[in-house]
């Protein structure tokens, strides 16, 4: 039960972290807006809430001496994945801070980057927050006011990572992965390739069948002509 809860929390954190990265990459672009800045704030706060819940669950389990060796190995694997998600979140928060300073929304002379992307990010934010529609309540100067909060939250995430290392020592190189790197991607590609292969085999098979029929017809025609010619030669002689 605890293992499933940890996996569910980790899956949620991975999803929110991925959504946050997607939105951070649009800062300073033509899709940038006040709504985006508010979406970024809500998404990173959701990610931090999930991170705290993950940390509390995994820390308690890994400190429990009654956990079996097999279960402990699985929880250590989840811990490494969680630590990686947290590192990615911190990196993206720092990137958001830099881009936020570089591209304030209410400076008329500051041109946005023409990335070629268009459209809003409300769908991504709603997916991260697990809601249908986003509600926007921020002030018009959120792009400036939120930068200070973002700085403080980056420090909090850094402190969380440091405390985690102090409380639970799980060296990443001691944890064995359940599958090879990129196995999921390879399996998807191989599935696609196998389906394409099946289609091509079927097409080749049908093509071969038609070729065999044509070859049979041509061979039969040549054989009949040869027989007719042979009969004619016999009669003439």
C-alpha atoms as a PDB file:
ATOM      1  CA  UNK A   1       0.000   0.000   0.000  1.00  0.00           C
ATOM      2  CA  UNK A   2       2.769   2.433   0.958  1.00  0.00           C
ATOM      3  CA  UNK A   3       4.710   1.508  -2.178  1.00  0.00           C
ATOM      4  CA  UNK A   4       1.716   2.307  -4.393  1.00  0.00           C
ATOM      5  CA  UNK A   5       1.202   5.643  -2.623  1.00  0.00           C
ATOM      6  CA  UNK A   6       4.850   6.560  -3.179  1.00  0.00           C
ATOM      7  CA  UNK A   7       4.639   5.598  -6.846  1.00  0.00           C
ATOM      8  CA  UNK A   8       1.449   7.640  -7.294  1.00  0.00           C
ATOM      9  CA  UNK A   9       3.034  10.704  -5.665  1.00  0.00           C
ATOM     10  CA  UNK A  10       6.153  10.291  -7.779  1.00  0.00           C
ATOM     11  CA  UNK A  11       4.131   9.975 -10.985  1.00  0.00           C
ATOM     12  CA  UNK A  12       2.245  13.160 -10.100  1.00  0.00           C
ATOM     13  CA  UNK A  13       5.485  15.004  -9.361  1.00  0.00           C
ATOM     14  CA  UNK A  14       7.025  13.851 -12.644  1.00  0.00           C
ATOM     15  CA  UNK A  15       3.991  15.084 -14.573  1.00  0.00           C
ATOM     16  CA  UNK A  16       3.912  18.488 -12.869  1.00  0.00           C
ATOM     17  CA  UNK A  17       7.681  18.926 -13.267  1.00  0.00           C
ATOM     18  CA  UNK A  18       7.439  18.132 -16.981  1.00  0.00           C
ATOM     19  CA  UNK A  19       4.573  20.624 -17.409  1.00  0.00           C
ATOM     20  CA  UNK A  20       6.551  23.270 -15.555  1.00  0.00           C
ATOM     21  CA  UNK A  21       9.557  22.782 -17.842  1.00  0.00           C
ATOM     22  CA  UNK A  22       7.318  23.094 -20.895  1.00  0.00           C
ATOM     23  CA  UNK A  23       5.964  26.431 -19.660  1.00  0.00           C
ATOM     24  CA  UNK A  24       9.347  27.802 -18.583  1.00  0.00           C
ATOM     25  CA  UNK A  25      10.579  27.423 -22.155  1.00  0.00           C
ATOM     26  CA  UNK A  26       7.891  29.864 -23.339  1.00  0.00           C
ATOM     27  CA  UNK A  27       9.046  32.748 -21.102  1.00  0.00           C
ATOM     28  CA  UNK A  28      10.172  35.631 -23.252  1.00  0.00           C
ATOM     29  CA  UNK A  29       8.551  34.167 -26.346  1.00  0.00           C
ATOM     30  CA  UNK A  30       5.533  35.304 -28.281  1.00  0.00           C
ATOM     31  CA  UNK A  31       3.328  33.094 -26.078  1.00  0.00           C
ATOM     32  CA  UNK A  32       4.467  34.897 -22.908  1.00  0.00           C
ATOM     33  CA  UNK A  33       1.793  36.706 -20.925  1.00  0.00           C
ATOM     34  CA  UNK A  34       0.624  37.601 -17.436  1.00  0.00           C
ATOM     35  CA  UNK A  35      -1.435  34.403 -17.394  1.00  0.00           C
ATOM     36  CA  UNK A  36       1.684  32.370 -18.127  1.00  0.00           C
ATOM     37  CA  UNK A  37       3.516  33.922 -15.180  1.00  0.00           C
ATOM     38  CA  UNK A  38       0.609  33.030 -12.898  1.00  0.00           C
ATOM     39  CA  UNK A  39       0.479  29.502 -14.335  1.00  0.00           C
ATOM     40  CA  UNK A  40       4.188  29.125 -13.641  1.00  0.00           C
ATOM     41  CA  UNK A  41       3.742  30.214 -10.045  1.00  0.00           C
ATOM     42  CA  UNK A  42       0.865  27.828  -9.366  1.00  0.00           C
ATOM     43  CA  UNK A  43       2.556  24.922 -11.123  1.00  0.00           C
ATOM     44  CA  UNK A  44       5.862  25.219  -9.275  1.00  0.00           C
ATOM     45  CA  UNK A  45       4.017  25.538  -5.950  1.00  0.00           C
ATOM     46  CA  UNK A  46       2.069  22.384  -6.779  1.00  0.00           C
ATOM     47  CA  UNK A  47       5.358  20.669  -7.577  1.00  0.00           C
ATOM     48  CA  UNK A  48       6.812  21.726  -4.233  1.00  0.00           C
ATOM     49  CA  UNK A  49       3.774  20.406  -2.360  1.00  0.00           C
ATOM     50  CA  UNK A  50       4.152  17.051  -4.077  1.00  0.00           C
ATOM     51  CA  UNK A  51       7.898  17.102  -3.377  1.00  0.00           C
ATOM     52  CA  UNK A  52       7.302  17.566   0.345  1.00  0.00           C
ATOM     53  CA  UNK A  53       4.760  14.727   0.367  1.00  0.00           C
ATOM     54  CA  UNK A  54       7.201  12.477  -1.543  1.00  0.00           C
ATOM     55  CA  UNK A  55      10.042  13.328   0.813  1.00  0.00           C
ATOM     56  CA  UNK A  56       8.009  12.595   3.938  1.00  0.00           C
ATOM     57  CA  UNK A  57       6.736   9.251   2.638  1.00  0.00           C
ATOM     58  CA  UNK A  58      10.044   7.974   1.320  1.00  0.00           C
ATOM     59  CA  UNK A  59      12.085   9.200   4.286  1.00  0.00           C
ATOM     60  CA  UNK A  60       9.802   7.420   6.751  1.00  0.00           C
ATOM     61  CA  UNK A  61       9.922   4.154   4.779  1.00  0.00           C
ATOM     62  CA  UNK A  62      13.688   4.173   4.216  1.00  0.00           C
ATOM     63  CA  UNK A  63      14.299   4.760   7.934  1.00  0.00           C
ATOM     64  CA  UNK A  64      12.030   1.832   8.853  1.00  0.00           C
ATOM     65  CA  UNK A  65      14.234  -1.121   9.844  1.00  0.00           C
ATOM     66  CA  UNK A  66      11.398  -3.611   9.401  1.00  0.00           C
ATOM     67  CA  UNK A  67      11.211  -3.117   5.621  1.00  0.00           C
ATOM     68  CA  UNK A  68      12.332  -6.178   3.673  1.00  0.00           C
ATOM     69  CA  UNK A  69      15.467  -6.109   1.525  1.00  0.00           C
ATOM     70  CA  UNK A  70      13.489  -6.336  -1.715  1.00  0.00           C
ATOM     71  CA  UNK A  71      11.119  -3.531  -0.728  1.00  0.00           C
ATOM     72  CA  UNK A  72      13.981  -1.360   0.471  1.00  0.00           C
ATOM     73  CA  UNK A  73      15.717  -1.748  -2.902  1.00  0.00           C
ATOM     74  CA  UNK A  74      12.520  -0.609  -4.637  1.00  0.00           C
ATOM     75  CA  UNK A  75      12.097   2.380  -2.312  1.00  0.00           C
ATOM     76  CA  UNK A  76      15.726   3.365  -2.882  1.00  0.00           C
ATOM     77  CA  UNK A  77      15.063   3.293  -6.628  1.00  0.00           C
ATOM     78  CA  UNK A  78      12.041   5.564  -6.116  1.00  0.00           C
ATOM     79  CA  UNK A  79      14.197   7.829  -3.941  1.00  0.00           C
ATOM     80  CA  UNK A  80      16.751   8.251  -6.741  1.00  0.00           C
ATOM     81  CA  UNK A  81      13.989   9.084  -9.241  1.00  0.00           C
ATOM     82  CA  UNK A  82      12.510  11.564  -6.757  1.00  0.00           C
ATOM     83  CA  UNK A  83      15.895  13.229  -6.215  1.00  0.00           C
ATOM     84  CA  UNK A  84      16.335  13.564  -9.972  1.00  0.00           C
ATOM     85  CA  UNK A  85      12.887  15.169 -10.341  1.00  0.00           C
ATOM     86  CA  UNK A  86      13.768  17.626  -7.599  1.00  0.00           C
ATOM     87  CA  UNK A  87      17.049  18.545  -9.283  1.00  0.00           C
ATOM     88  CA  UNK A  88      15.239  19.134 -12.582  1.00  0.00           C
ATOM     89  CA  UNK A  89      12.661  21.297 -10.812  1.00  0.00           C
ATOM     90  CA  UNK A  90      15.379  23.407  -9.207  1.00  0.00           C
ATOM     91  CA  UNK A  91      17.167  23.860 -12.551  1.00  0.00           C
ATOM     92  CA  UNK A  92      13.954  24.977 -14.244  1.00  0.00           C
ATOM     93  CA  UNK A  93      13.116  27.344 -11.393  1.00  0.00           C
ATOM     94  CA  UNK A  94      16.528  28.985 -11.786  1.00  0.00           C
ATOM     95  CA  UNK A  95      15.963  29.230 -15.537  1.00  0.00           C
ATOM     96  CA  UNK A  96      12.550  30.828 -14.910  1.00  0.00           C
ATOM     97  CA  UNK A  97      14.173  33.350 -12.576  1.00  0.00           C
ATOM     98  CA  UNK A  98      16.808  34.321 -15.146  1.00  0.00           C
ATOM     99  CA  UNK A  99      14.290  34.634 -17.965  1.00  0.00           C
ATOM    100  CA  UNK A 100      11.903  36.535 -15.717  1.00  0.00           C
ATOM    101  CA  UNK A 101      14.572  39.139 -15.015  1.00  0.00           C
ATOM    102  CA  UNK A 102      15.513  39.247 -18.683  1.00  0.00           C
ATOM    103  CA  UNK A 103      11.961  39.586 -20.026  1.00  0.00           C
ATOM    104  CA  UNK A 104       9.693  41.701 -17.796  1.00  0.00           C
ATOM    105  CA  UNK A 105       6.234  41.994 -19.339  1.00  0.00           C
ATOM    106  CA  UNK A 106       5.554  45.663 -18.640  1.00  0.00           C
ATOM    107  CA  UNK A 107       8.650  47.129 -20.298  1.00  0.00           C
ATOM    108  CA  UNK A 108       7.547  48.438 -23.725  1.00  0.00           C
ATOM    109  CA  UNK A 109      11.048  48.597 -25.217  1.00  0.00           C
ATOM    110  CA  UNK A 110      11.826  44.973 -24.386  1.00  0.00           C
ATOM    111  CA  UNK A 111      10.946  42.833 -27.391  1.00  0.00           C
ATOM    112  CA  UNK A 112       9.924  39.216 -26.949  1.00  0.00           C
ATOM    113  CA  UNK A 113      11.717  36.418 -28.755  1.00  0.00           C
ATOM    114  CA  UNK A 114      10.056  35.453 -32.034  1.00  0.00           C
ATOM    115  CA  UNK A 115      10.159  31.712 -31.495  1.00  0.00           C
ATOM    116  CA  UNK A 116       7.432  30.924 -34.002  1.00  0.00           C
ATOM    117  CA  UNK A 117       5.283  29.383 -31.266  1.00  0.00           C
ATOM    118  CA  UNK A 118       1.776  30.646 -30.707  1.00  0.00           C
ATOM    119  CA  UNK A 119      -1.137  29.930 -28.421  1.00  0.00           C
ATOM    120  CA  UNK A 120      -1.525  29.797 -24.652  1.00  0.00           C
ATOM    121  CA  UNK A 121      -0.307  27.321 -22.074  1.00  0.00           C
ATOM    122  CA  UNK A 122      -3.482  27.112 -20.013  1.00  0.00           C
ATOM    123  CA  UNK A 123      -4.041  23.505 -21.124  1.00  0.00           C
ATOM    124  CA  UNK A 124      -0.618  22.451 -19.884  1.00  0.00           C
ATOM    125  CA  UNK A 125      -1.115  24.284 -16.586  1.00  0.00           C
ATOM    126  CA  UNK A 126      -4.552  22.743 -16.081  1.00  0.00           C
ATOM    127  CA  UNK A 127      -3.065  19.288 -16.696  1.00  0.00           C
ATOM    128  CA  UNK A 128      -0.378  19.962 -14.122  1.00  0.00           C
ATOM    129  CA  UNK A 129      -2.920  21.163 -11.558  1.00  0.00           C
ATOM    130  CA  UNK A 130      -5.333  18.312 -12.399  1.00  0.00           C
ATOM    131  CA  UNK A 131      -8.175  20.728 -13.052  1.00  0.00           C
ATOM    132  CA  UNK A 132     -10.317  21.463 -16.095  1.00  0.00           C
ATOM    133  CA  UNK A 133      -9.963  25.240 -16.278  1.00  0.00           C
ATOM    134  CA  UNK A 134      -7.420  27.662 -14.824  1.00  0.00           C
ATOM    135  CA  UNK A 135      -8.598  30.628 -12.757  1.00  0.00           C
ATOM    136  CA  UNK A 136      -6.468  33.755 -12.923  1.00  0.00           C
ATOM    137  CA  UNK A 137      -6.343  36.031  -9.886  1.00  0.00           C
ATOM    138  CA  UNK A 138      -2.853  37.568  -9.926  1.00  0.00           C
ATOM    139  CA  UNK A 139      -2.067  41.282  -9.993  1.00  0.00           C
ATOM    140  CA  UNK A 140      -0.914  42.950 -13.194  1.00  0.00           C
ATOM    141  CA  UNK A 141       2.687  43.189 -11.897  1.00  0.00           C
ATOM    142  CA  UNK A 142       3.088  39.488 -11.057  1.00  0.00           C
ATOM    143  CA  UNK A 143       6.044  39.249 -13.455  1.00  0.00           C
ATOM    144  CA  UNK A 144       8.068  41.487 -11.105  1.00  0.00           C
ATOM    145  CA  UNK A 145       6.548  40.713  -7.698  1.00  0.00           C
ATOM    146  CA  UNK A 146       6.803  36.941  -8.114  1.00  0.00           C
ATOM    147  CA  UNK A 147      10.545  36.989  -8.787  1.00  0.00           C
ATOM    148  CA  UNK A 148      11.340  37.525  -5.108  1.00  0.00           C
ATOM    149  CA  UNK A 149       9.062  34.645  -4.109  1.00  0.00           C
ATOM    150  CA  UNK A 150      10.689  32.486  -6.769  1.00  0.00           C
ATOM    151  CA  UNK A 151      14.130  33.267  -5.339  1.00  0.00           C
ATOM    152  CA  UNK A 152      13.009  32.199  -1.861  1.00  0.00           C
ATOM    153  CA  UNK A 153      11.427  29.006  -3.191  1.00  0.00           C
ATOM    154  CA  UNK A 154      14.617  28.087  -5.048  1.00  0.00           C
ATOM    155  CA  UNK A 155      16.482  28.351  -1.739  1.00  0.00           C
ATOM    156  CA  UNK A 156      13.824  26.203  -0.062  1.00  0.00           C
ATOM    157  CA  UNK A 157      14.174  23.486  -2.687  1.00  0.00           C
ATOM    158  CA  UNK A 158      17.956  23.597  -2.287  1.00  0.00           C
ATOM    159  CA  UNK A 159      17.617  23.239   1.494  1.00  0.00           C
ATOM    160  CA  UNK A 160      15.201  20.348   1.013  1.00  0.00           C
ATOM    161  CA  UNK A 161      17.698  18.532  -1.191  1.00  0.00           C
ATOM    162  CA  UNK A 162      20.462  19.091   1.359  1.00  0.00           C
ATOM    163  CA  UNK A 163      18.307  17.816   4.241  1.00  0.00           C
ATOM    164  CA  UNK A 164      17.375  14.752   2.200  1.00  0.00           C
ATOM    165  CA  UNK A 165      21.028  13.872   1.719  1.00  0.00           C
ATOM    166  CA  UNK A 166      21.637  14.267   5.459  1.00  0.00           C
ATOM    167  CA  UNK A 167      18.654  12.176   6.534  1.00  0.00           C
ATOM    168  CA  UNK A 168      18.829   9.370   3.977  1.00  0.00           C
ATOM    169  CA  UNK A 169      22.032   8.266   2.280  1.00  0.00           C
ATOM    170  CA  UNK A 170      21.215   6.533  -0.995  1.00  0.00           C
ATOM    171  CA  UNK A 171      24.142   6.855  -3.442  1.00  0.00           C
ATOM    172  CA  UNK A 172      22.737   6.788  -6.962  1.00  0.00           C
ATOM    173  CA  UNK A 173      25.444   4.452  -8.257  1.00  0.00           C
ATOM    174  CA  UNK A 174      24.360   1.757  -5.766  1.00  0.00           C
ATOM    175  CA  UNK A 175      20.801   1.617  -7.115  1.00  0.00           C
ATOM    176  CA  UNK A 176      20.177  -0.773  -9.975  1.00  0.00           C
ATOM    177  CA  UNK A 177      17.715   0.220 -12.668  1.00  0.00           C
ATOM    178  CA  UNK A 178      14.959  -2.192 -13.612  1.00  0.00           C
ATOM    179  CA  UNK A 179      15.544  -1.617 -17.310  1.00  0.00           C
ATOM    180  CA  UNK A 180      18.203  -0.237 -19.614  1.00  0.00           C
ATOM    181  CA  UNK A 181      18.375   3.529 -20.267  1.00  0.00           C
ATOM    182  CA  UNK A 182      15.840   4.536 -22.896  1.00  0.00           C
ATOM    183  CA  UNK A 183      14.144   1.124 -22.772  1.00  0.00           C
ATOM    184  CA  UNK A 184      10.669   2.654 -22.856  1.00  0.00           C
ATOM    185  CA  UNK A 185      11.557   4.733 -25.893  1.00  0.00           C
ATOM    186  CA  UNK A 186      13.175   1.758 -27.589  1.00  0.00           C
ATOM    187  CA  UNK A 187      10.153  -0.420 -26.905  1.00  0.00           C
ATOM    188  CA  UNK A 188       7.881   2.204 -28.432  1.00  0.00           C
ATOM    189  CA  UNK A 189      10.105   2.483 -31.486  1.00  0.00           C
ATOM    190  CA  UNK A 190      10.383  -1.281 -31.814  1.00  0.00           C
ATOM    191  CA  UNK A 191       6.609  -1.627 -31.579  1.00  0.00           C
ATOM    192  CA  UNK A 192       6.230   0.935 -34.318  1.00  0.00           C
ATOM    193  CA  UNK A 193       8.936  -0.716 -36.374  1.00  0.00           C
ATOM    194  CA  UNK A 194       7.386  -4.146 -35.911  1.00  0.00           C
ATOM    195  CA  UNK A 195       4.000  -2.880 -37.029  1.00  0.00           C
ATOM    196  CA  UNK A 196       5.616  -1.241 -40.057  1.00  0.00           C
ATOM    197  CA  UNK A 197       7.513  -4.452 -40.670  1.00  0.00           C
ATOM    198  CA  UNK A 198       4.291  -6.454 -40.549  1.00  0.00           C
ATOM    199  CA  UNK A 199       2.685  -4.102 -43.045  1.00  0.00           C
ATOM    200  CA  UNK A 200       5.694  -4.275 -45.357  1.00  0.00           C
ATOM    201  CA  UNK A 201       5.804  -8.081 -45.087  1.00  0.00           C
ATOM    202  CA  UNK A 202       2.135  -8.294 -45.968  1.00  0.00           C
ATOM    203  CA  UNK A 203       2.641  -5.927 -48.887  1.00  0.00           C
ATOM    204  CA  UNK A 204       5.670  -7.907 -50.096  1.00  0.00           C
ATOM    205  CA  UNK A 205       3.746 -11.134 -49.689  1.00  0.00           C
ATOM    206  CA  UNK A 206       0.855  -9.887 -51.804  1.00  0.00           C
ATOM    207  CA  UNK A 207       3.298  -8.520 -54.371  1.00  0.00           C
ATOM    208  CA  UNK A 208       5.085 -11.867 -54.521  1.00  0.00           C
ATOM    209  CA  UNK A 209       1.775 -13.680 -55.026  1.00  0.00           C
ATOM    210  CA  UNK A 210       0.917 -11.447 -57.992  1.00  0.00           C
ATOM    211  CA  UNK A 211       4.411 -11.943 -59.443  1.00  0.00           C
ATOM    212  CA  UNK A 212       4.050 -15.713 -59.183  1.00  0.00           C
ATOM    213  CA  UNK A 213       0.728 -15.629 -60.997  1.00  0.00           C
ATOM    214  CA  UNK A 214       2.131 -13.458 -63.794  1.00  0.00           C
ATOM    215  CA  UNK A 215       5.185 -15.686 -64.120  1.00  0.00           C
ATOM    216  CA  UNK A 216       2.961 -18.744 -64.341  1.00  0.00           C
ATOM    217  CA  UNK A 217       0.836 -17.168 -67.064  1.00  0.00           C
ATOM    218  CA  UNK A 218       3.891 -16.132 -69.099  1.00  0.00           C
ATOM    219  CA  UNK A 219       5.488 -19.579 -68.703  1.00  0.00           C
ATOM    220  CA  UNK A 220       2.269 -21.289 -69.792  1.00  0.00           C
ATOM    221  CA  UNK A 221       1.956 -19.017 -72.847  1.00  0.00           C
ATOM    222  CA  UNK A 222       5.551 -19.686 -73.889  1.00  0.00           C
ATOM    223  CA  UNK A 223       5.031 -23.421 -73.421  1.00  0.00           C
ATOM    224  CA  UNK A 224       1.884 -23.408 -75.605  1.00  0.00           C
ATOM    225  CA  UNK A 225       3.640 -21.404 -78.328  1.00  0.00           C
ATOM    226  CA  UNK A 226       6.563 -23.822 -78.270  1.00  0.00           C
ATOM    227  CA  UNK A 227       4.221 -26.800 -78.607  1.00  0.00           C
ATOM    228  CA  UNK A 228       2.341 -25.180 -81.519  1.00  0.00           C
ATOM    229  CA  UNK A 229       5.587 -24.374 -83.301  1.00  0.00           C
ATOM    230  CA  UNK A 230       6.837 -27.918 -82.791  1.00  0.00           C
ATOM    231  CA  UNK A 231       3.622 -29.357 -84.276  1.00  0.00           C
ATOM    232  CA  UNK A 232       3.876 -27.016 -87.274  1.00  0.00           C
ATOM    233  CA  UNK A 233       7.476 -28.017 -87.924  1.00  0.00           C
ATOM    234  CA  UNK A 234       6.546 -31.724 -87.819  1.00  0.00           C
ATOM    235  CA  UNK A 235       3.681 -31.244 -90.312  1.00  0.00           C
ATOM    236  CA  UNK A 236       5.755 -29.187 -92.716  1.00  0.00           C
ATOM    237  CA  UNK A 237       8.561 -31.720 -92.715  1.00  0.00           C
END
